[in-house]
Amino acid sequence: MIDDTDKKHLIRCIELAQEALDDGDEPFGSMLVAKDGRVLFEDRNRVSGGDQTQHPEFAIAKWAAQNVPEAERKDAVVYTSGEHCAMCAAAHAWVGLGRIVYAASSAQFTRWRAELGAKPGRVRPPSIQEVIDDTIVDGPVDEFAERIKALHVTHYRTAGAQQ
């Protein structure tokens, strides 16, 4: 299911997550890749400004709705360092994007937060499949788990985040 191309794109998502962390934000990064392999759009988390909807997966859905013909969206792949939250999964479905590949799961994030003593977030962390149907979803990718966990541990420890 996960091939070398997928892994290459997930590594870029982790780099974007690192950029977010370096800028004082929560470490998440995502990208949209066309059927022919072109990177169409990439972004990182931008919630530190106070707008908790500034997730990269949500930005991808909005960008795709405005810039990718509807017929081409279903063949585009969203790669992301972390599994979509409910808001981002719904946006993905409403816009009609295709496959999702993520490195770390919501269940892993929930476990890591508990290990850090962070209180649960305000929104429950369902899996993507609990939010949307008819989308191929691949993840988590175990070989990236420790690297992503380290980013989140750094974020919680340096930001004093108990969110």
Protein backbone atom coordinates (compact mmCIF):
# COMPACT_ATOMS: atom_id res chain seq x y z
CA MET A 1 0.00 0.00 0.00
CA ILE A 2 2.65 2.56 1.01
CA ASP A 3 5.40 2.82 -1.61
CA ASP A 4 8.62 4.82 -1.95
CA THR A 5 6.82 7.74 -3.60
CA ASP A 6 4.42 7.90 -0.67
CA LYS A 7 7.32 7.85 1.77
CA LYS A 8 9.10 10.64 -0.13
CA HIS A 9 6.02 12.85 0.16
CA LEU A 10 5.53 11.97 3.83
CA ILE A 11 9.13 12.98 4.52
CA ARG A 12 8.34 16.38 2.99
CA CYS A 13 5.27 16.62 5.25
CA ILE A 14 7.47 15.95 8.26
CA GLU A 15 9.83 18.72 7.08
CA LEU A 16 6.83 21.06 6.89
CA ALA A 17 5.84 19.98 10.40
CA GLN A 18 9.36 20.86 11.55
CA GLU A 19 8.99 24.30 9.91
CA ALA A 20 5.76 24.79 11.84
CA LEU A 21 7.47 23.81 15.09
CA ASP A 22 10.42 26.11 14.37
CA ASP A 23 7.91 28.94 13.93
CA GLY A 24 6.27 28.21 17.29
CA ASP A 25 3.33 26.31 15.89
CA GLU A 26 1.96 22.81 16.32
CA PRO A 27 4.03 20.45 14.15
CA PHE A 28 1.82 19.36 11.27
CA GLY A 29 2.55 19.54 7.55
CA SER A 30 0.61 18.45 4.47
CA MET A 31 0.72 18.50 0.70
CA LEU A 32 -1.52 17.89 -2.32
CA VAL A 33 -0.08 15.87 -5.19
CA ALA A 34 -1.67 15.54 -8.64
CA LYS A 35 -2.19 12.22 -10.41
CA ASP A 36 0.88 12.94 -12.56
CA GLY A 37 3.06 13.46 -9.45
CA ARG A 38 3.21 17.26 -9.48
CA VAL A 39 3.09 18.89 -6.07
CA LEU A 40 0.14 21.26 -6.33
CA PHE A 41 0.11 22.80 -2.86
CA GLU A 42 1.79 22.39 0.49
CA ASP A 43 1.32 24.04 3.85
CA ARG A 44 1.94 23.67 7.55
CA ASN A 45 -0.05 24.30 10.69
CA ARG A 46 -0.67 27.98 11.42
CA VAL A 47 -2.87 27.89 14.53
CA SER A 48 -0.48 29.82 16.77
CA GLY A 49 -2.09 33.08 15.62
CA GLY A 50 -5.25 32.09 17.47
CA ASP A 51 -7.35 30.67 14.61
CA GLN A 52 -7.64 26.97 15.38
CA THR A 53 -8.99 26.25 11.87
CA GLN A 54 -5.63 27.02 10.23
CA HIS A 55 -4.74 23.37 9.64
CA PRO A 56 -2.79 22.51 6.47
CA GLU A 57 -5.33 19.88 5.39
CA PHE A 58 -8.12 22.45 5.60
CA ALA A 59 -5.99 24.90 3.59
CA ILE A 60 -5.48 22.19 0.96
CA ALA A 61 -9.23 21.60 0.65
CA LYS A 62 -9.93 25.32 0.27
CA TRP A 63 -7.12 25.77 -2.25
CA ALA A 64 -8.21 22.72 -4.26
CA ALA A 65 -11.81 23.94 -4.42
CA GLN A 66 -10.60 27.15 -6.03
CA ASN A 67 -7.75 25.85 -8.18
CA VAL A 68 -8.24 22.21 -9.17
CA PRO A 69 -11.01 21.21 -11.58
CA GLU A 70 -13.58 19.05 -9.83
CA ALA A 71 -12.94 16.12 -12.17
CA GLU A 72 -9.23 16.09 -11.23
CA ARG A 73 -9.66 16.34 -7.46
CA LYS A 74 -10.61 12.67 -6.98
CA ASP A 75 -7.25 11.62 -8.44
CA ALA A 76 -5.19 13.97 -6.25
CA VAL A 77 -3.54 12.59 -3.11
CA VAL A 78 -3.26 14.40 0.20
CA TYR A 79 -0.17 13.51 2.19
CA THR A 80 0.05 14.61 5.79
CA SER A 81 2.22 14.14 8.83
CA GLY A 82 -0.82 13.47 11.02
CA GLU A 83 -4.22 11.95 10.41
CA HIS A 84 -6.91 14.48 9.53
CA CYS A 85 -9.05 15.83 12.34
CA ALA A 86 -12.83 15.76 11.93
CA MET A 87 -12.90 19.29 10.44
CA CYS A 88 -10.21 18.52 7.87
CA ALA A 89 -11.65 15.12 6.96
CA ALA A 90 -15.05 16.70 6.32
CA ALA A 91 -13.49 19.48 4.19
CA HIS A 92 -11.57 16.83 2.22
CA ALA A 93 -14.81 14.96 1.49
CA TRP A 94 -16.89 18.03 0.64
CA VAL A 95 -14.28 19.17 -1.89
CA GLY A 96 -14.03 15.68 -3.40
CA LEU A 97 -10.33 15.01 -2.98
CA GLY A 98 -8.92 11.51 -3.41
CA ARG A 99 -6.65 9.27 -1.40
CA ILE A 100 -5.22 10.31 1.98
CA VAL A 101 -1.84 9.07 3.20
CA TYR A 102 -0.79 9.96 6.74
CA ALA A 103 2.30 9.20 8.78
CA ALA A 104 0.89 9.22 12.34
CA SER A 105 -2.64 8.45 13.51
CA SER A 106 -5.09 10.25 15.75
CA ALA A 107 -4.86 7.28 18.13
CA GLN A 108 -1.09 7.74 18.35
CA PHE A 109 -1.46 11.49 19.03
CA THR A 110 -4.02 10.77 21.74
CA ARG A 111 -1.65 8.28 23.39
CA TRP A 112 1.32 10.66 23.12
CA ARG A 113 -0.68 13.54 24.66
CA ALA A 114 -1.66 11.30 27.57
CA GLU A 115 1.99 10.27 28.08
CA LEU A 116 2.89 13.97 28.26
CA GLY A 117 0.16 14.70 30.77
CA ALA A 118 -1.66 17.00 28.34
CA LYS A 119 -5.37 17.31 28.84
CA PRO A 120 -7.60 16.06 25.99
CA GLY A 121 -8.37 18.47 23.19
CA ARG A 122 -11.78 20.12 22.81
CA VAL A 123 -12.66 18.05 19.72
CA ARG A 124 -12.78 14.26 19.84
CA PRO A 125 -10.16 12.57 17.62
CA PRO A 126 -12.09 10.18 15.36
CA SER A 127 -10.34 8.30 12.58
CA ILE A 128 -10.83 9.65 9.08
CA GLN A 129 -13.05 6.67 8.23
CA GLU A 130 -15.39 7.61 11.09
CA VAL A 131 -15.97 10.99 9.41
CA ILE A 132 -16.00 10.28 5.67
CA ASP A 133 -16.78 7.44 3.26
CA ASP A 134 -15.54 6.47 -0.20
CA THR A 135 -11.96 7.62 0.32
CA ILE A 136 -8.87 5.43 0.25
CA VAL A 137 -6.94 6.06 3.46
CA ASP A 138 -3.46 4.69 4.14
CA GLY A 139 -1.61 5.11 7.40
CA PRO A 140 -0.09 5.23 9.86
CA VAL A 141 3.43 4.53 8.62
CA ASP A 142 5.30 3.06 11.57
CA GLU A 143 8.79 4.00 10.39
CA PHE A 144 7.93 7.71 10.89
CA ALA A 145 6.24 7.42 14.29
CA GLU A 146 9.22 8.18 16.51
CA ARG A 147 10.27 11.17 14.41
CA ILE A 148 6.78 12.66 14.55
CA LYS A 149 6.40 11.89 18.23
CA ALA A 150 9.67 13.74 18.91
CA LEU A 151 8.31 16.85 17.16
CA HIS A 152 5.18 16.78 19.32
CA VAL A 153 7.10 16.14 22.53
CA THR A 154 9.30 19.14 21.71
CA HIS A 155 6.23 21.26 21.03
CA TYR A 156 4.51 20.34 24.30
CA ARG A 157 7.65 20.76 26.35
CA THR A 158 8.85 24.05 24.83
CA ALA A 159 5.46 25.68 24.45
CA GLY A 160 4.25 24.46 27.80
CA ALA A 161 1.24 23.27 25.85
CA GLN A 162 -1.23 21.45 28.01
CA GLN A 163 -3.97 21.60 25.42
